[in-house]
Amino acid sequence: MTNLTYEAYLDEVTTLLTELYDLDDATAIKLVVDAQAAEYFSPHDDHPEMRTLTRAREDAVTLYKARQARVDTQAKQQRAARKKTPPGSGRK
């Protein structure tokens, strides 16, 4: 199995996010950049054996599922906040 460079690996994860989940480029890039900032990919940098096409697909799925969980949580919080706000109180 071929190991990708770190940069090629991140590009592959980004590409997979657009292909598997029909995300636009900007959203996929932001997901990968945010994960990188959170040091999600630090082990990949240190261990080239982690940078495979199979692992890239797994990481794309993981990042997307985490994003969906955040989106779902935010939507639930917004719905709960709307229920607590009495009609005509001026808040939307």
PDB file of N, CA and C in Angstrom:
ATOM      1  N   MET A   1       0.851  -1.175   0.000  1.00  0.00           N
ATOM      2  CA  MET A   1       0.000   0.000   0.000  1.00  0.00           C
ATOM      3  C   MET A   1       0.900   1.243   0.000  1.00  0.00           C
ATOM      4  N   THR A   2       0.578   2.189  -0.849  1.00  0.00           N
ATOM      5  CA  THR A   2       1.379   3.393  -0.982  1.00  0.00           C
ATOM      6  C   THR A   2       1.004   4.411   0.086  1.00  0.00           C
ATOM      7  N   ASN A   3       2.022   4.995   0.688  1.00  0.00           N
ATOM      8  CA  ASN A   3       1.799   6.063   1.652  1.00  0.00           C
ATOM      9  C   ASN A   3       1.915   7.399   0.938  1.00  0.00           C
ATOM     10  N   LEU A   4       0.970   8.279   1.202  1.00  0.00           N
ATOM     11  CA  LEU A   4       0.959   9.601   0.601  1.00  0.00           C
ATOM     12  C   LEU A   4       1.809  10.561   1.424  1.00  0.00           C
ATOM     13  N   THR A   5       2.226  11.650   0.797  1.00  0.00           N
ATOM     14  CA  THR A   5       2.845  12.713   1.586  1.00  0.00           C
ATOM     15  C   THR A   5       1.754  13.306   2.468  1.00  0.00           C
ATOM     16  N   TYR A   6       2.138  14.038   3.483  1.00  0.00           N
ATOM     17  CA  TYR A   6       1.159  14.646   4.386  1.00  0.00           C
ATOM     18  C   TYR A   6       0.210  15.565   3.619  1.00  0.00           C
ATOM     19  N   GLU A   7       0.773  16.399   2.757  1.00  0.00           N
ATOM     20  CA  GLU A   7      -0.027  17.344   1.978  1.00  0.00           C
ATOM     21  C   GLU A   7      -0.982  16.608   1.028  1.00  0.00           C
ATOM     22  N   ALA A   8      -0.481  15.581   0.361  1.00  0.00           N
ATOM     23  CA  ALA A   8      -1.320  14.802  -0.553  1.00  0.00           C
ATOM     24  C   ALA A   8      -2.433  14.093   0.217  1.00  0.00           C
ATOM     25  N   TYR A   9      -2.123  13.665   1.421  1.00  0.00           N
ATOM     26  CA  TYR A   9      -3.116  13.003   2.257  1.00  0.00           C
ATOM     27  C   TYR A   9      -4.262  13.960   2.592  1.00  0.00           C
ATOM     28  N   LEU A  10      -3.915  15.167   3.022  1.00  0.00           N
ATOM     29  CA  LEU A  10      -4.944  16.156   3.343  1.00  0.00           C
ATOM     30  C   LEU A  10      -5.766  16.500   2.107  1.00  0.00           C
ATOM     31  N   ASP A  11      -5.102  16.605   0.963  1.00  0.00           N
ATOM     32  CA  ASP A  11      -5.825  16.853  -0.294  1.00  0.00           C
ATOM     33  C   ASP A  11      -6.798  15.716  -0.595  1.00  0.00           C
ATOM     34  N   GLU A  12      -6.362  14.479  -0.371  1.00  0.00           N
ATOM     35  CA  GLU A  12      -7.216  13.321  -0.635  1.00  0.00           C
ATOM     36  C   GLU A  12      -8.434  13.321   0.284  1.00  0.00           C
ATOM     37  N   VAL A  13      -8.242  13.616   1.554  1.00  0.00           N
ATOM     38  CA  VAL A  13      -9.371  13.680   2.487  1.00  0.00           C
ATOM     39  C   VAL A  13     -10.357  14.759   2.029  1.00  0.00           C
ATOM     40  N   THR A  14      -9.836  15.900   1.629  1.00  0.00           N
ATOM     41  CA  THR A  14     -10.680  16.998   1.153  1.00  0.00           C
ATOM     42  C   THR A  14     -11.465  16.573  -0.085  1.00  0.00           C
ATOM     43  N   THR A  15     -10.783  15.946  -1.026  1.00  0.00           N
ATOM     44  CA  THR A  15     -11.440  15.482  -2.253  1.00  0.00           C
ATOM     45  C   THR A  15     -12.525  14.466  -1.943  1.00  0.00           C
ATOM     46  N   LEU A  16     -12.244  13.552  -1.046  1.00  0.00           N
ATOM     47  CA  LEU A  16     -13.236  12.546  -0.677  1.00  0.00           C
ATOM     48  C   LEU A  16     -14.475  13.179  -0.035  1.00  0.00           C
ATOM     49  N   LEU A  17     -14.280  14.206   0.761  1.00  0.00           N
ATOM     50  CA  LEU A  17     -15.419  14.895   1.362  1.00  0.00           C
ATOM     51  C   LEU A  17     -16.330  15.490   0.288  1.00  0.00           C
ATOM     52  N   THR A  18     -15.732  16.035  -0.762  1.00  0.00           N
ATOM     53  CA  THR A  18     -16.552  16.605  -1.839  1.00  0.00           C
ATOM     54  C   THR A  18     -17.224  15.514  -2.648  1.00  0.00           C
ATOM     55  N   GLU A  19     -16.538  14.407  -2.858  1.00  0.00           N
ATOM     56  CA  GLU A  19     -17.088  13.324  -3.677  1.00  0.00           C
ATOM     57  C   GLU A  19     -18.120  12.478  -2.939  1.00  0.00           C
ATOM     58  N   LEU A  20     -17.837  12.126  -1.708  1.00  0.00           N
ATOM     59  CA  LEU A  20     -18.734  11.253  -0.952  1.00  0.00           C
ATOM     60  C   LEU A  20     -19.976  11.966  -0.439  1.00  0.00           C
ATOM     61  N   TYR A  21     -19.821  13.239  -0.079  1.00  0.00           N
ATOM     62  CA  TYR A  21     -20.900  13.949   0.603  1.00  0.00           C
ATOM     63  C   TYR A  21     -21.392  15.179  -0.149  1.00  0.00           C
ATOM     64  N   ASP A  22     -20.901  15.363  -1.358  1.00  0.00           N
ATOM     65  CA  ASP A  22     -21.345  16.469  -2.198  1.00  0.00           C
ATOM     66  C   ASP A  22     -21.187  17.823  -1.499  1.00  0.00           C
ATOM     67  N   LEU A  23     -20.137  17.949  -0.696  1.00  0.00           N
ATOM     68  CA  LEU A  23     -19.838  19.232  -0.065  1.00  0.00           C
ATOM     69  C   LEU A  23     -19.140  20.121  -1.085  1.00  0.00           C
ATOM     70  N   ASP A  24     -19.333  21.432  -0.972  1.00  0.00           N
ATOM     71  CA  ASP A  24     -18.588  22.319  -1.851  1.00  0.00           C
ATOM     72  C   ASP A  24     -17.141  22.377  -1.369  1.00  0.00           C
ATOM     73  N   ASP A  25     -16.262  22.828  -2.243  1.00  0.00           N
ATOM     74  CA  ASP A  25     -14.829  22.848  -1.925  1.00  0.00           C
ATOM     75  C   ASP A  25     -14.529  23.631  -0.652  1.00  0.00           C
ATOM     76  N   ALA A  26     -15.148  24.797  -0.503  1.00  0.00           N
ATOM     77  CA  ALA A  26     -14.867  25.644   0.659  1.00  0.00           C
ATOM     78  C   ALA A  26     -15.225  24.942   1.964  1.00  0.00           C
ATOM     79  N   THR A  27     -16.353  24.239   1.987  1.00  0.00           N
ATOM     80  CA  THR A  27     -16.778  23.539   3.198  1.00  0.00           C
ATOM     81  C   THR A  27     -15.834  22.375   3.508  1.00  0.00           C
ATOM     82  N   ALA A  28     -15.462  21.621   2.483  1.00  0.00           N
ATOM     83  CA  ALA A  28     -14.545  20.494   2.684  1.00  0.00           C
ATOM     84  C   ALA A  28     -13.186  20.984   3.168  1.00  0.00           C
ATOM     85  N   ILE A  29     -12.691  22.043   2.567  1.00  0.00           N
ATOM     86  CA  ILE A  29     -11.397  22.605   2.977  1.00  0.00           C
ATOM     87  C   ILE A  29     -11.467  23.067   4.420  1.00  0.00           C
ATOM     88  N   LYS A  30     -12.547  23.746   4.786  1.00  0.00           N
ATOM     89  CA  LYS A  30     -12.690  24.221   6.166  1.00  0.00           C
ATOM     90  C   LYS A  30     -12.712  23.064   7.154  1.00  0.00           C
ATOM     91  N   LEU A  31     -13.396  21.985   6.807  1.00  0.00           N
ATOM     92  CA  LEU A  31     -13.414  20.813   7.694  1.00  0.00           C
ATOM     93  C   LEU A  31     -12.006  20.281   7.934  1.00  0.00           C
ATOM     94  N   VAL A  32     -11.236  20.165   6.869  1.00  0.00           N
ATOM     95  CA  VAL A  32      -9.877  19.628   6.987  1.00  0.00           C
ATOM     96  C   VAL A  32      -8.971  20.614   7.729  1.00  0.00           C
ATOM     97  N   VAL A  33      -9.071  21.887   7.419  1.00  0.00           N
ATOM     98  CA  VAL A  33      -8.241  22.894   8.090  1.00  0.00           C
ATOM     99  C   VAL A  33      -8.573  22.949   9.582  1.00  0.00           C
ATOM    100  N   ASP A  34      -9.866  22.916   9.911  1.00  0.00           N
ATOM    101  CA  ASP A  34     -10.262  22.919  11.324  1.00  0.00           C
ATOM    102  C   ASP A  34      -9.764  21.676  12.052  1.00  0.00           C
ATOM    103  N   ALA A  35      -9.848  20.526  11.396  1.00  0.00           N
ATOM    104  CA  ALA A  35      -9.343  19.288  12.003  1.00  0.00           C
ATOM    105  C   ALA A  35      -7.835  19.355  12.190  1.00  0.00           C
ATOM    106  N   GLN A  36      -7.171  19.933  11.219  1.00  0.00           N
ATOM    107  CA  GLN A  36      -5.720  20.082  11.320  1.00  0.00           C
ATOM    108  C   GLN A  36      -5.369  21.015  12.484  1.00  0.00           C
ATOM    109  N   ALA A  37      -6.101  22.109  12.621  1.00  0.00           N
ATOM    110  CA  ALA A  37      -5.863  23.052  13.721  1.00  0.00           C
ATOM    111  C   ALA A  37      -6.112  22.399  15.080  1.00  0.00           C
ATOM    112  N   ALA A  38      -7.050  21.468  15.114  1.00  0.00           N
ATOM    113  CA  ALA A  38      -7.353  20.743  16.352  1.00  0.00           C
ATOM    114  C   ALA A  38      -6.407  19.562  16.568  1.00  0.00           C
ATOM    115  N   GLU A  39      -5.416  19.457  15.709  1.00  0.00           N
ATOM    116  CA  GLU A  39      -4.366  18.438  15.773  1.00  0.00           C
ATOM    117  C   GLU A  39      -4.880  17.020  15.511  1.00  0.00           C
ATOM    118  N   TYR A  40      -6.013  16.912  14.827  1.00  0.00           N
ATOM    119  CA  TYR A  40      -6.536  15.599  14.453  1.00  0.00           C
ATOM    120  C   TYR A  40      -5.546  14.842  13.571  1.00  0.00           C
ATOM    121  N   PHE A  41      -4.850  15.569  12.700  1.00  0.00           N
ATOM    122  CA  PHE A  41      -3.941  14.929  11.751  1.00  0.00           C
ATOM    123  C   PHE A  41      -2.488  14.850  12.244  1.00  0.00           C
ATOM    124  N   SER A  42      -2.213  15.283  13.453  1.00  0.00           N
ATOM    125  CA  SER A  42      -0.832  15.241  13.960  1.00  0.00           C
ATOM    126  C   SER A  42      -0.222  13.837  13.896  1.00  0.00           C
ATOM    127  N   PRO A  43      -0.948  12.792  14.308  1.00  0.00           N
ATOM    128  CA  PRO A  43      -0.357  11.447  14.209  1.00  0.00           C
ATOM    129  C   PRO A  43      -0.032  11.061  12.761  1.00  0.00           C
ATOM    130  N   HIS A  44      -0.835  11.535  11.826  1.00  0.00           N
ATOM    131  CA  HIS A  44      -0.604  11.229  10.420  1.00  0.00           C
ATOM    132  C   HIS A  44       0.725  11.842   9.944  1.00  0.00           C
ATOM    133  N   ASP A  45       1.033  13.004  10.492  1.00  0.00           N
ATOM    134  CA  ASP A  45       2.281  13.679  10.128  1.00  0.00           C
ATOM    135  C   ASP A  45       3.476  12.882  10.654  1.00  0.00           C
ATOM    136  N   ASP A  46       3.331  12.332  11.839  1.00  0.00           N
ATOM    137  CA  ASP A  46       4.422  11.601  12.481  1.00  0.00           C
ATOM    138  C   ASP A  46       4.561  10.158  11.989  1.00  0.00           C
ATOM    139  N   HIS A  47       3.488   9.584  11.476  1.00  0.00           N
ATOM    140  CA  HIS A  47       3.484   8.170  11.090  1.00  0.00           C
ATOM    141  C   HIS A  47       3.012   8.003   9.643  1.00  0.00           C
ATOM    142  N   PRO A  48       3.946   7.964   8.703  1.00  0.00           N
ATOM    143  CA  PRO A  48       3.579   7.850   7.287  1.00  0.00           C
ATOM    144  C   PRO A  48       2.681   6.655   6.972  1.00  0.00           C
ATOM    145  N   GLU A  49       2.767   5.597   7.742  1.00  0.00           N
ATOM    146  CA  GLU A  49       1.945   4.416   7.475  1.00  0.00           C
ATOM    147  C   GLU A  49       0.446   4.706   7.661  1.00  0.00           C
ATOM    148  N   MET A  50       0.111   5.822   8.301  1.00  0.00           N
ATOM    149  CA  MET A  50      -1.288   6.212   8.479  1.00  0.00           C
ATOM    150  C   MET A  50      -1.848   6.916   7.239  1.00  0.00           C
ATOM    151  N   ARG A  51      -0.976   7.327   6.341  1.00  0.00           N
ATOM    152  CA  ARG A  51      -1.394   8.141   5.200  1.00  0.00           C
ATOM    153  C   ARG A  51      -1.645   7.271   3.963  1.00  0.00           C
ATOM    154  N   THR A  52      -2.719   6.493   4.021  1.00  0.00           N
ATOM    155  CA  THR A  52      -3.100   5.620   2.908  1.00  0.00           C
ATOM    156  C   THR A  52      -4.452   6.082   2.357  1.00  0.00           C
ATOM    157  N   LEU A  53      -4.800   5.588   1.180  1.00  0.00           N
ATOM    158  CA  LEU A  53      -6.087   5.932   0.595  1.00  0.00           C
ATOM    159  C   LEU A  53      -7.244   5.389   1.428  1.00  0.00           C
ATOM    160  N   THR A  54      -7.051   4.193   1.978  1.00  0.00           N
ATOM    161  CA  THR A  54      -8.088   3.601   2.831  1.00  0.00           C
ATOM    162  C   THR A  54      -8.318   4.458   4.065  1.00  0.00           C
ATOM    163  N   ARG A  55      -7.244   4.872   4.690  1.00  0.00           N
ATOM    164  CA  ARG A  55      -7.348   5.712   5.891  1.00  0.00           C
ATOM    165  C   ARG A  55      -7.936   7.079   5.550  1.00  0.00           C
ATOM    166  N   ALA A  56      -7.623   7.609   4.376  1.00  0.00           N
ATOM    167  CA  ALA A  56      -8.170   8.905   3.964  1.00  0.00           C
ATOM    168  C   ALA A  56      -9.697   8.818   3.903  1.00  0.00           C
ATOM    169  N   ARG A  57     -10.204   7.727   3.369  1.00  0.00           N
ATOM    170  CA  ARG A  57     -11.657   7.541   3.304  1.00  0.00           C
ATOM    171  C   ARG A  57     -12.240   7.463   4.716  1.00  0.00           C
ATOM    172  N   GLU A  58     -11.598   6.718   5.602  1.00  0.00           N
ATOM    173  CA  GLU A  58     -12.066   6.600   6.982  1.00  0.00           C
ATOM    174  C   GLU A  58     -12.082   7.964   7.675  1.00  0.00           C
ATOM    175  N   ASP A  59     -11.033   8.735   7.457  1.00  0.00           N
ATOM    176  CA  ASP A  59     -10.966  10.058   8.081  1.00  0.00           C
ATOM    177  C   ASP A  59     -12.011  11.000   7.497  1.00  0.00           C
ATOM    178  N   ALA A  60     -12.267  10.911   6.205  1.00  0.00           N
ATOM    179  CA  ALA A  60     -13.303  11.744   5.588  1.00  0.00           C
ATOM    180  C   ALA A  60     -14.662  11.434   6.217  1.00  0.00           C
ATOM    181  N   VAL A  61     -14.953  10.157   6.401  1.00  0.00           N
ATOM    182  CA  VAL A  61     -16.217   9.744   7.024  1.00  0.00           C
ATOM    183  C   VAL A  61     -16.287  10.270   8.455  1.00  0.00           C
ATOM    184  N   THR A  62     -15.210  10.122   9.204  1.00  0.00           N
ATOM    185  CA  THR A  62     -15.169  10.585  10.594  1.00  0.00           C
ATOM    186  C   THR A  62     -15.402  12.084  10.680  1.00  0.00           C
ATOM    187  N   LEU A  63     -14.719  12.848   9.840  1.00  0.00           N
ATOM    188  CA  LEU A  63     -14.871  14.304   9.871  1.00  0.00           C
ATOM    189  C   LEU A  63     -16.295  14.714   9.495  1.00  0.00           C
ATOM    190  N   TYR A  64     -16.861  14.060   8.500  1.00  0.00           N
ATOM    191  CA  TYR A  64     -18.218  14.398   8.077  1.00  0.00           C
ATOM    192  C   TYR A  64     -19.225  14.072   9.178  1.00  0.00           C
ATOM    193  N   LYS A  65     -19.085  12.906   9.787  1.00  0.00           N
ATOM    194  CA  LYS A  65     -20.015  12.525  10.861  1.00  0.00           C
ATOM    195  C   LYS A  65     -19.924  13.495  12.042  1.00  0.00           C
ATOM    196  N   ALA A  66     -18.719  13.926  12.366  1.00  0.00           N
ATOM    197  CA  ALA A  66     -18.541  14.895  13.455  1.00  0.00           C
ATOM    198  C   ALA A  66     -19.208  16.218  13.088  1.00  0.00           C
ATOM    199  N   ARG A  67     -19.077  16.621  11.841  1.00  0.00           N
ATOM    200  CA  ARG A  67     -19.713  17.862  11.370  1.00  0.00           C
ATOM    201  C   ARG A  67     -21.229  17.730  11.477  1.00  0.00           C
ATOM    202  N   GLN A  68     -21.764  16.609  11.040  1.00  0.00           N
ATOM    203  CA  GLN A  68     -23.207  16.401  11.092  1.00  0.00           C
ATOM    204  C   GLN A  68     -23.713  16.410  12.537  1.00  0.00           C
ATOM    205  N   ALA A  69     -22.945  15.835  13.440  1.00  0.00           N
ATOM    206  CA  ALA A  69     -23.340  15.830  14.853  1.00  0.00           C
ATOM    207  C   ALA A  69     -23.395  17.261  15.390  1.00  0.00           C
ATOM    208  N   ARG A  70     -22.415  18.089  15.013  1.00  0.00           N
ATOM    209  CA  ARG A  70     -22.417  19.497  15.440  1.00  0.00           C
ATOM    210  C   ARG A  70     -23.620  20.236  14.857  1.00  0.00           C
ATOM    211  N   VAL A  71     -23.894  20.012  13.583  1.00  0.00           N
ATOM    212  CA  VAL A  71     -25.026  20.670  12.920  1.00  0.00           C
ATOM    213  C   VAL A  71     -26.334  20.248  13.600  1.00  0.00           C
ATOM    214  N   ASP A  72     -26.483  18.966  13.873  1.00  0.00           N
ATOM    215  CA  ASP A  72     -27.702  18.465  14.530  1.00  0.00           C
ATOM    216  C   ASP A  72     -27.867  19.064  15.923  1.00  0.00           C
ATOM    217  N   THR A  73     -26.776  19.141  16.672  1.00  0.00           N
ATOM    218  CA  THR A  73     -26.816  19.709  18.017  1.00  0.00           C
ATOM    219  C   THR A  73     -27.213  21.185  17.968  1.00  0.00           C
ATOM    220  N   GLN A  74     -26.627  21.922  17.040  1.00  0.00           N
ATOM    221  CA  GLN A  74     -26.960  23.347  16.906  1.00  0.00           C
ATOM    222  C   GLN A  74     -28.432  23.528  16.542  1.00  0.00           C
ATOM    223  N   ALA A  75     -28.938  22.693  15.649  1.00  0.00           N
ATOM    224  CA  ALA A  75     -30.342  22.786  15.250  1.00  0.00           C
ATOM    225  C   ALA A  75     -31.260  22.505  16.441  1.00  0.00           C
ATOM    226  N   LYS A  76     -30.918  21.504  17.244  1.00  0.00           N
ATOM    227  CA  LYS A  76     -31.726  21.185  18.427  1.00  0.00           C
ATOM    228  C   LYS A  76     -31.707  22.338  19.422  1.00  0.00           C
ATOM    229  N   GLN A  77     -30.532  22.945  19.612  1.00  0.00           N
ATOM    230  CA  GLN A  77     -30.419  24.073  20.535  1.00  0.00           C
ATOM    231  C   GLN A  77     -31.244  25.256  20.041  1.00  0.00           C
ATOM    232  N   GLN A  78     -31.235  25.500  18.748  1.00  0.00           N
ATOM    233  CA  GLN A  78     -32.018  26.604  18.190  1.00  0.00           C
ATOM    234  C   GLN A  78     -33.512  26.350  18.347  1.00  0.00           C
ATOM    235  N   ARG A  79     -33.933  25.111  18.102  1.00  0.00           N
ATOM    236  CA  ARG A  79     -35.350  24.784  18.280  1.00  0.00           C
ATOM    237  C   ARG A  79     -35.768  24.964  19.742  1.00  0.00           C
ATOM    238  N   ALA A  80     -34.919  24.520  20.653  1.00  0.00           N
ATOM    239  CA  ALA A  80     -35.229  24.650  22.081  1.00  0.00           C
ATOM    240  C   ALA A  80     -35.305  26.119  22.482  1.00  0.00           C
ATOM    241  N   ALA A  81     -34.410  26.938  21.956  1.00  0.00           N
ATOM    242  CA  ALA A  81     -34.417  28.367  22.282  1.00  0.00           C
ATOM    243  C   ALA A  81     -35.682  29.029  21.748  1.00  0.00           C
ATOM    244  N   ARG A  82     -36.127  28.627  20.554  1.00  0.00           N
ATOM    245  CA  ARG A  82     -37.356  29.206  19.980  1.00  0.00           C
ATOM    246  C   ARG A  82     -38.573  28.824  20.812  1.00  0.00           C
ATOM    247  N   LYS A  83     -38.590  27.619  21.353  1.00  0.00           N
ATOM    248  CA  LYS A  83     -39.721  27.172  22.171  1.00  0.00           C
ATOM    249  C   LYS A  83     -39.798  27.966  23.476  1.00  0.00           C
ATOM    250  N   LYS A  84     -38.659  28.366  24.011  1.00  0.00           N
ATOM    251  CA  LYS A  84     -38.614  29.093  25.269  1.00  0.00           C
ATOM    252  C   LYS A  84     -38.973  30.563  25.105  1.00  0.00           C
ATOM    253  N   THR A  85     -38.868  31.096  23.905  1.00  0.00           N
ATOM    254  CA  THR A  85     -39.131  32.501  23.659  1.00  0.00           C
ATOM    255  C   THR A  85     -40.621  32.688  23.400  1.00  0.00           C
ATOM    256  N   PRO A  86     -41.290  33.472  24.261  1.00  0.00           N
ATOM    257  CA  PRO A  86     -42.726  33.670  24.070  1.00  0.00           C
ATOM    258  C   PRO A  86     -42.999  34.481  22.789  1.00  0.00           C
ATOM    259  N   PRO A  87     -44.110  34.181  22.121  1.00  0.00           N
ATOM    260  CA  PRO A  87     -44.464  34.929  20.915  1.00  0.00           C
ATOM    261  C   PRO A  87     -44.574  36.427  21.216  1.00  0.00           C
ATOM    262  N   GLY A  88     -44.112  37.236  20.286  1.00  0.00           N
ATOM    263  CA  GLY A  88     -44.203  38.683  20.437  1.00  0.00           C
ATOM    264  C   GLY A  88     -43.164  39.286  21.363  1.00  0.00           C
ATOM    265  N   SER A  89     -42.161  38.510  21.784  1.00  0.00           N
ATOM    266  CA  SER A  89     -41.151  39.036  22.696  1.00  0.00           C
ATOM    267  C   SER A  89     -40.069  39.817  21.992  1.00  0.00           C
ATOM    268  N   GLY A  90     -40.119  39.808  20.642  1.00  0.00           N
ATOM    269  CA  GLY A  90     -39.129  40.579  19.892  1.00  0.00           C
ATOM    270  C   GLY A  90     -37.942  39.780  19.438  1.00  0.00           C
ATOM    271  N   ARG A  91     -37.739  38.588  19.988  1.00  0.00           N
ATOM    272  CA  ARG A  91     -36.623  37.727  19.559  1.00  0.00           C
ATOM    273  C   ARG A  91     -37.093  36.854  18.421  1.00  0.00           C
ATOM    274  N   LYS A  92     -36.180  36.604  17.508  1.00  0.00           N
ATOM    275  CA  LYS A  92     -36.500  35.732  16.374  1.00  0.00           C
ATOM    276  C   LYS A  92     -35.739  34.449  16.478  1.00  0.00           C
TER     277      LYS A  92
END
